[in-house]
Amino acid sequence: MHRSIGWMVLAGAVALGACDDGETTAPEQQQAGTLTVDAAQDWAFVGFSGDGAQQVTVSDPAASDAWDIGVFATSVMLNGGAAGPGGVEGYCLCQNAAATDAAVLAMTPASELAAFEAVTAASIPTAAGAWQSDALAPAIAGWYSYDPTTHVVSADPTAVWKVRTASGDAYAKLHVTDVQDATQSHAGTVTLEYALQPSAGAAFGPITTAELDLSAGPVYVDLESGSTVTAADDWDLWLEGWSIRVNGGVSGDGSAGASPATESFAAIMDASDLAANHYRGDAFGGVFDEHRWYRYNLQGGHQVWPTYDVYLIRRGAAVWKVQLTGYYGATGDSRQITLRHERIQ
């Protein structure tokens, strides 16, 4: 059963501390290190400390101060902003942002070590607004528009998504067709229109219209049964305030995901025709969302290629430099994320 457990994605007790907010002096003779974590099945959390970086076990990331950075597949988040209470912020030096795909294909951990070593305390930005904290990055976004002159909110029915349900077995095409009685705190009554494919490649069922009143609180939708349910039931969509969330990623423990469609709602004949990783779950996005650490499918085969950009991670006065150098383990298994790290302040 795929339940709305929010951030309760891992079980265990807080085992290790993160970096010290109150420390103001640079560490003595810190050594660059690497850490590989298994981010295949769920979020893996890493805490920075004077001894380096260590994987930590966290029961509730939204309330835990023990982690600094979390990774799951290609997603990366920081313990700050909407993602957690740690006040962690990020900045991308992005030295390889303009690199060609051919140049990225030629990069290796060894070839990009010099760029990592060149980053020192002098690289830390001082401009106001340079650092970013994480905010919710839902897979379904941009479904309404706001007129600042008339203050009217309206649906954007041309914004369409291909959706995978929480079970991972069914698919749907979906868009929002109407918004009524919206307020500053919620979107009022939201009308969804969708059609379900009970399995990959199957024909769509009839078009379903659902009017959902958000004025009284969150509403959960099971697309497969075509009904509203509770948070304790199997659900695919969670509507609350001005957000539409999917039961996947940071919003739930299901396999739900969504991808913006390039066709109109009527023109979509198959919502299951995308690569599995194109159905994105919800995430907390900040610097790693705005500046992706990888490129995808450069030589076919749906592989991930690190760009080896260097990121700065700040908690209080402590600053670390981080370079993601690998997505595959020694035996070729995917989602084995390797981080190169060193404290510079």
Protein backbone atom coordinates (compact mmCIF):
# COMPACT_ATOMS: atom_id res chain seq x y z
CA MET A 1 0.00 0.00 0.00
CA HIS A 2 1.31 3.44 -0.94
CA ARG A 3 0.63 5.76 1.91
CA SER A 4 1.04 9.49 2.40
CA ILE A 5 3.94 9.40 4.76
CA GLY A 6 5.56 12.63 3.58
CA TRP A 7 9.09 12.60 4.76
CA MET A 8 8.96 9.29 6.64
CA VAL A 9 11.08 7.58 4.03
CA LEU A 10 13.65 5.82 6.16
CA ALA A 11 13.48 4.00 9.46
CA GLY A 12 16.13 4.25 12.12
CA ALA A 13 17.55 6.55 14.72
CA VAL A 14 19.78 9.56 14.25
CA ALA A 15 23.24 8.15 14.54
CA LEU A 16 25.72 10.83 13.55
CA GLY A 17 25.98 14.61 13.75
CA ALA A 18 26.25 17.12 10.95
CA CYS A 19 28.63 20.02 10.71
CA ASP A 20 28.82 22.43 13.64
CA ASP A 21 26.85 25.65 13.14
CA GLY A 22 28.95 27.51 15.64
CA GLU A 23 32.41 26.76 14.35
CA THR A 24 34.07 29.83 12.85
CA THR A 25 37.66 28.74 12.25
CA ALA A 26 38.89 26.66 9.35
CA PRO A 27 39.71 23.02 10.11
CA GLU A 28 43.33 22.00 10.29
CA GLN A 29 44.74 20.09 7.31
CA GLN A 30 41.41 18.78 6.04
CA GLN A 31 41.82 16.09 3.42
CA ALA A 32 39.65 15.64 0.34
CA GLY A 33 37.69 12.43 0.56
CA THR A 34 35.16 10.38 -1.37
CA LEU A 35 32.01 8.66 -0.22
CA THR A 36 29.75 6.31 -2.19
CA VAL A 37 26.16 5.78 -1.08
CA ASP A 38 23.47 3.44 -2.35
CA ALA A 39 20.64 5.66 -3.59
CA ALA A 40 18.83 2.97 -5.55
CA GLN A 41 15.77 2.32 -3.42
CA ASP A 42 15.35 5.37 -1.25
CA TRP A 43 16.98 8.58 -0.11
CA ALA A 44 20.52 8.26 1.23
CA PHE A 45 21.56 11.00 3.65
CA VAL A 46 25.05 12.37 4.24
CA GLY A 47 26.27 14.51 7.12
CA PHE A 48 29.43 16.64 6.99
CA SER A 49 31.60 16.98 10.05
CA GLY A 50 35.18 17.78 10.99
CA ASP A 51 36.04 14.16 10.21
CA GLY A 52 34.67 14.23 6.67
CA ALA A 53 31.40 13.04 5.23
CA GLN A 54 29.50 10.05 6.54
CA GLN A 55 26.21 8.43 5.63
CA VAL A 56 23.64 8.92 8.38
CA THR A 57 20.40 7.12 9.18
CA VAL A 58 17.44 9.45 9.60
CA SER A 59 13.90 8.67 10.73
CA ASP A 60 12.33 12.01 9.76
CA PRO A 61 14.45 14.22 7.48
CA ALA A 62 11.98 17.11 7.79
CA ALA A 63 12.77 17.31 11.52
CA SER A 64 16.36 16.06 11.61
CA ASP A 65 19.47 18.18 11.93
CA ALA A 66 21.80 15.21 11.37
CA TRP A 67 22.07 15.38 7.58
CA ASP A 68 23.36 17.97 5.13
CA ILE A 69 22.77 16.46 1.70
CA GLY A 70 20.40 13.75 0.48
CA VAL A 71 20.51 11.80 -2.79
CA PHE A 72 18.04 9.46 -4.48
CA ALA A 73 18.74 8.30 -8.04
CA THR A 74 19.74 11.57 -9.77
CA SER A 75 17.91 13.85 -7.31
CA VAL A 76 19.86 15.86 -4.74
CA MET A 77 18.53 17.99 -1.91
CA LEU A 78 19.94 20.00 0.95
CA ASN A 79 18.80 20.23 4.56
CA GLY A 80 17.36 23.72 4.44
CA GLY A 81 14.40 25.73 3.24
CA ALA A 82 11.37 23.50 2.66
CA ALA A 83 13.43 20.30 2.82
CA GLY A 84 14.66 20.39 6.41
CA PRO A 85 15.57 22.43 9.50
CA GLY A 86 19.35 22.52 9.00
CA GLY A 87 19.63 25.88 7.26
CA VAL A 88 21.92 24.33 4.64
CA GLU A 89 22.40 26.34 1.43
CA GLY A 90 24.13 25.66 -1.85
CA TYR A 91 26.00 27.45 -4.61
CA CYS A 92 27.18 26.08 -7.95
CA LEU A 93 30.52 27.16 -9.36
CA CYS A 94 29.38 25.39 -12.55
CA GLN A 95 32.77 25.48 -14.22
CA ASN A 96 31.59 22.95 -16.81
CA ALA A 97 28.22 24.50 -17.59
CA ALA A 98 29.29 25.44 -21.12
CA ALA A 99 31.06 22.14 -21.84
CA THR A 100 29.94 20.32 -24.97
CA ASP A 101 28.45 16.86 -24.73
CA ALA A 102 31.63 15.50 -26.27
CA ALA A 103 33.69 17.15 -23.55
CA VAL A 104 31.45 15.72 -20.82
CA LEU A 105 31.79 12.24 -22.31
CA ALA A 106 35.58 12.56 -22.04
CA MET A 107 35.56 13.62 -18.38
CA THR A 108 36.68 11.24 -15.64
CA PRO A 109 37.13 11.57 -11.88
CA ALA A 110 40.89 11.83 -12.47
CA SER A 111 40.64 14.45 -15.20
CA GLU A 112 38.37 16.68 -13.10
CA LEU A 113 40.32 16.43 -9.86
CA ALA A 114 42.38 19.53 -10.67
CA ALA A 115 39.22 21.65 -11.00
CA PHE A 116 38.07 20.39 -7.61
CA GLU A 117 41.43 21.09 -5.97
CA ALA A 118 41.48 24.62 -7.41
CA VAL A 119 38.43 25.60 -5.35
CA THR A 120 39.46 27.34 -2.11
CA ALA A 121 37.93 29.70 0.43
CA ALA A 122 38.53 32.48 -2.09
CA SER A 123 35.84 30.86 -4.27
CA ILE A 124 33.10 31.37 -1.66
CA PRO A 125 30.57 33.91 -2.97
CA THR A 126 29.82 36.99 -0.91
CA ALA A 127 27.13 38.60 -3.07
CA ALA A 128 23.67 38.87 -1.57
CA GLY A 129 21.35 36.18 -2.88
CA ALA A 130 24.11 33.97 -4.23
CA TRP A 131 23.25 31.03 -1.95
CA GLN A 132 20.11 28.94 -2.50
CA SER A 133 18.00 26.90 -0.12
CA ASP A 134 15.62 24.18 -1.25
CA ALA A 135 11.95 24.61 -2.13
CA LEU A 136 9.31 22.10 -3.17
CA ALA A 137 9.68 21.19 -6.85
CA PRO A 138 6.50 19.24 -7.67
CA ALA A 139 6.41 17.05 -10.75
CA ILE A 140 3.12 18.72 -11.74
CA ALA A 141 3.66 22.47 -11.82
CA GLY A 142 2.56 25.40 -13.99
CA TRP A 143 -1.07 24.24 -14.14
CA TYR A 144 -2.57 27.67 -13.47
CA SER A 145 -1.96 31.29 -14.42
CA TYR A 146 -2.46 34.52 -12.48
CA ASP A 147 -3.44 37.89 -13.92
CA PRO A 148 -1.81 40.57 -11.69
CA THR A 149 -4.17 43.25 -13.07
CA THR A 150 -7.49 41.49 -12.47
CA HIS A 151 -6.15 39.19 -9.72
CA VAL A 152 -7.93 36.30 -11.43
CA VAL A 153 -6.52 32.78 -11.30
CA SER A 154 -7.36 30.47 -14.18
CA ALA A 155 -6.45 26.96 -15.22
CA ASP A 156 -4.08 26.34 -18.08
CA PRO A 157 -5.71 23.41 -19.90
CA THR A 158 -2.88 23.38 -22.44
CA ALA A 159 -0.51 22.22 -19.69
CA VAL A 160 -0.82 18.43 -19.87
CA TRP A 161 1.01 15.62 -18.08
CA LYS A 162 1.64 11.96 -18.64
CA VAL A 163 1.32 10.33 -15.25
CA ARG A 164 2.40 7.00 -13.81
CA THR A 165 0.29 5.90 -10.85
CA ALA A 166 1.59 4.99 -7.40
CA SER A 167 1.30 1.27 -8.12
CA GLY A 168 3.71 1.69 -11.03
CA ASP A 169 1.39 -0.34 -13.25
CA ALA A 170 -1.11 2.16 -14.67
CA TYR A 171 -0.78 5.44 -16.54
CA ALA A 172 -2.93 8.47 -17.30
CA LYS A 173 -3.07 11.67 -19.28
CA LEU A 174 -4.15 14.58 -17.12
CA HIS A 175 -4.74 18.32 -17.08
CA VAL A 176 -6.53 20.97 -15.00
CA THR A 177 -9.48 22.51 -16.82
CA ASP A 178 -10.94 24.94 -14.28
CA VAL A 179 -10.22 26.83 -11.05
CA GLN A 180 -13.05 28.45 -9.09
CA ASP A 181 -13.27 30.42 -5.82
CA ALA A 182 -9.53 30.59 -5.27
CA THR A 183 -8.08 32.47 -2.31
CA GLN A 184 -4.57 33.36 -1.28
CA SER A 185 -4.30 30.19 0.78
CA HIS A 186 -5.85 27.65 -1.58
CA ALA A 187 -6.96 27.12 -5.16
CA GLY A 188 -10.65 26.73 -4.31
CA THR A 189 -12.37 24.13 -6.48
CA VAL A 190 -10.00 22.55 -8.97
CA THR A 191 -11.35 20.53 -11.89
CA LEU A 192 -9.17 17.70 -13.18
CA GLU A 193 -9.73 15.90 -16.44
CA TYR A 194 -7.94 12.61 -17.03
CA ALA A 195 -8.10 9.27 -18.80
CA LEU A 196 -6.57 6.10 -17.40
CA GLN A 197 -4.57 3.34 -19.04
CA PRO A 198 -4.88 0.28 -16.77
CA SER A 199 -1.54 -1.03 -18.00
CA ALA A 200 1.31 0.07 -20.24
CA GLY A 201 0.23 0.22 -23.86
CA ALA A 202 -3.44 -0.42 -23.07
CA ALA A 203 -6.22 1.69 -24.53
CA PHE A 204 -7.41 4.68 -22.54
CA GLY A 205 -10.60 4.33 -20.57
CA PRO A 206 -13.27 7.03 -20.62
CA ILE A 207 -12.38 10.62 -19.80
CA THR A 208 -13.08 11.34 -16.14
CA THR A 209 -13.82 14.76 -14.67
CA ALA A 210 -13.23 15.38 -10.96
CA GLU A 211 -14.17 18.59 -9.14
CA LEU A 212 -12.05 18.82 -5.99
CA ASP A 213 -12.77 21.35 -3.23
CA LEU A 214 -9.52 22.34 -1.52
CA SER A 215 -11.10 24.88 0.84
CA ALA A 216 -11.41 22.37 3.68
CA GLY A 217 -7.91 20.93 3.43
CA PRO A 218 -5.97 18.33 1.45
CA VAL A 219 -7.67 16.07 -1.07
CA TYR A 220 -6.25 12.69 -2.16
CA VAL A 221 -7.17 11.11 -5.49
CA ASP A 222 -6.85 7.49 -6.58
CA LEU A 223 -6.73 7.66 -10.38
CA GLU A 224 -7.08 3.91 -10.79
CA SER A 225 -10.39 3.75 -8.92
CA GLY A 226 -11.50 7.22 -10.00
CA SER A 227 -12.28 8.28 -6.44
CA THR A 228 -11.15 10.55 -3.64
CA VAL A 229 -9.57 8.70 -0.73
CA THR A 230 -7.84 9.40 2.57
CA ALA A 231 -4.14 9.85 3.25
CA ALA A 232 -4.05 6.32 4.71
CA ASP A 233 -5.31 4.74 1.46
CA ASP A 234 -3.67 4.11 -1.87
CA TRP A 235 -3.53 7.50 -3.59
CA ASP A 236 -1.90 8.97 -6.68
CA LEU A 237 -2.44 12.73 -6.39
CA TRP A 238 -2.47 14.94 -3.31
CA LEU A 239 -3.93 18.44 -3.77
CA GLU A 240 -3.49 21.02 -1.04
CA GLY A 241 -3.27 24.80 -1.09
CA TRP A 242 -1.74 25.62 -4.46
CA SER A 243 0.15 22.37 -4.94
CA ILE A 244 -0.57 19.14 -6.78
CA ARG A 245 1.73 16.38 -5.54
CA VAL A 246 2.28 12.84 -6.75
CA ASN A 247 2.75 9.76 -4.58
CA GLY A 248 6.43 9.47 -5.36
CA GLY A 249 9.70 11.18 -4.52
CA VAL A 250 9.53 13.34 -1.40
CA SER A 251 5.73 13.42 -1.24
CA GLY A 252 5.00 9.71 -0.77
CA ASP A 253 6.40 6.20 -0.92
CA GLY A 254 4.65 5.15 -4.14
CA SER A 255 5.97 4.90 -7.69
CA ALA A 256 3.91 7.81 -9.03
CA GLY A 257 5.56 10.31 -11.32
CA ALA A 258 4.67 12.80 -14.01
CA SER A 259 6.19 14.28 -17.14
CA PRO A 260 5.00 17.34 -19.11
CA ALA A 261 3.49 16.27 -22.42
CA THR A 262 4.40 17.84 -25.73
CA GLU A 263 1.01 16.98 -27.25
CA SER A 264 -2.45 18.28 -26.43
CA PHE A 265 -4.68 16.26 -24.11
CA ALA A 266 -6.80 15.01 -27.03
CA ALA A 267 -3.78 14.08 -29.14
CA ILE A 268 -2.15 11.79 -26.57
CA MET A 269 -2.71 8.17 -27.56
CA ASP A 270 -0.33 6.61 -25.04
CA ALA A 271 0.78 7.95 -21.66
CA SER A 272 3.09 4.98 -21.01
CA ASP A 273 5.51 5.58 -23.88
CA LEU A 274 8.25 7.38 -21.92
CA ALA A 275 11.42 5.96 -20.37
CA ALA A 276 10.79 5.03 -16.74
CA ASN A 277 12.97 7.82 -15.35
CA HIS A 278 10.98 10.47 -17.22
CA TYR A 279 8.09 10.01 -14.78
CA ARG A 280 9.52 12.22 -12.07
CA GLY A 281 8.41 12.16 -8.48
CA ASP A 282 8.24 15.31 -6.39
CA ALA A 283 11.49 16.74 -5.12
CA PHE A 284 12.93 19.55 -3.08
CA GLY A 285 14.82 21.65 -5.57
CA GLY A 286 17.44 24.30 -5.05
CA VAL A 287 20.88 24.63 -6.53
CA PHE A 288 20.99 20.99 -7.64
CA ASP A 289 17.65 21.36 -9.41
CA GLU A 290 18.60 24.58 -11.16
CA HIS A 291 22.07 23.30 -12.06
CA ARG A 292 21.90 19.56 -12.74
CA TRP A 293 25.01 17.58 -11.88
CA TYR A 294 24.65 15.20 -14.82
CA ARG A 295 23.67 14.83 -18.45
CA TYR A 296 21.55 11.99 -19.73
CA ASN A 297 21.59 9.61 -22.68
CA LEU A 298 24.54 11.20 -24.46
CA GLN A 299 25.43 7.95 -26.22
CA GLY A 300 22.09 6.20 -26.03
CA GLY A 301 21.43 3.42 -23.57
CA HIS A 302 19.83 5.83 -21.08
CA GLN A 303 23.06 6.37 -19.17
CA VAL A 304 23.94 9.16 -16.74
CA TRP A 305 27.14 11.16 -17.22
CA PRO A 306 28.42 13.46 -14.42
CA THR A 307 29.38 16.99 -15.43
CA TYR A 308 31.82 17.23 -12.48
CA ASP A 309 30.68 20.73 -11.61
CA VAL A 310 31.81 21.82 -8.14
CA TYR A 311 29.15 22.86 -5.63
CA LEU A 312 29.61 24.71 -2.36
CA ILE A 313 27.52 23.59 0.61
CA ARG A 314 27.16 25.98 3.57
CA ARG A 315 25.81 25.40 7.05
CA GLY A 316 26.38 28.34 9.37
CA ALA A 317 30.04 29.36 8.97
CA ALA A 318 31.19 25.97 7.65
CA VAL A 319 31.57 25.56 3.88
CA TRP A 320 32.29 22.36 1.98
CA LYS A 321 33.05 21.82 -1.68
CA VAL A 322 31.36 18.83 -3.30
CA GLN A 323 31.79 17.20 -6.70
CA LEU A 324 29.56 14.31 -7.76
CA THR A 325 31.86 11.97 -9.65
CA GLY A 326 29.89 8.80 -10.22
CA TYR A 327 26.47 7.25 -10.74
CA TYR A 328 27.52 3.63 -11.20
CA GLY A 329 29.17 1.24 -8.77
CA ALA A 330 32.20 -0.94 -9.37
CA THR A 331 30.04 -3.68 -10.89
CA GLY A 332 28.01 -1.27 -13.02
CA ASP A 333 24.98 -1.00 -10.73
CA SER A 334 23.21 2.35 -11.13
CA ARG A 335 22.32 4.87 -8.43
CA GLN A 336 25.57 4.29 -6.56
CA ILE A 337 26.41 7.97 -6.04
CA THR A 338 30.00 8.99 -5.34
CA LEU A 339 30.72 12.38 -3.78
CA ARG A 340 34.15 14.00 -3.63
CA HIS A 341 34.20 16.41 -0.68
CA GLU A 342 36.44 18.72 1.31
CA ARG A 343 35.86 21.47 3.85
CA ILE A 344 37.25 24.85 2.76
CA GLN A 345 36.03 27.06 5.61
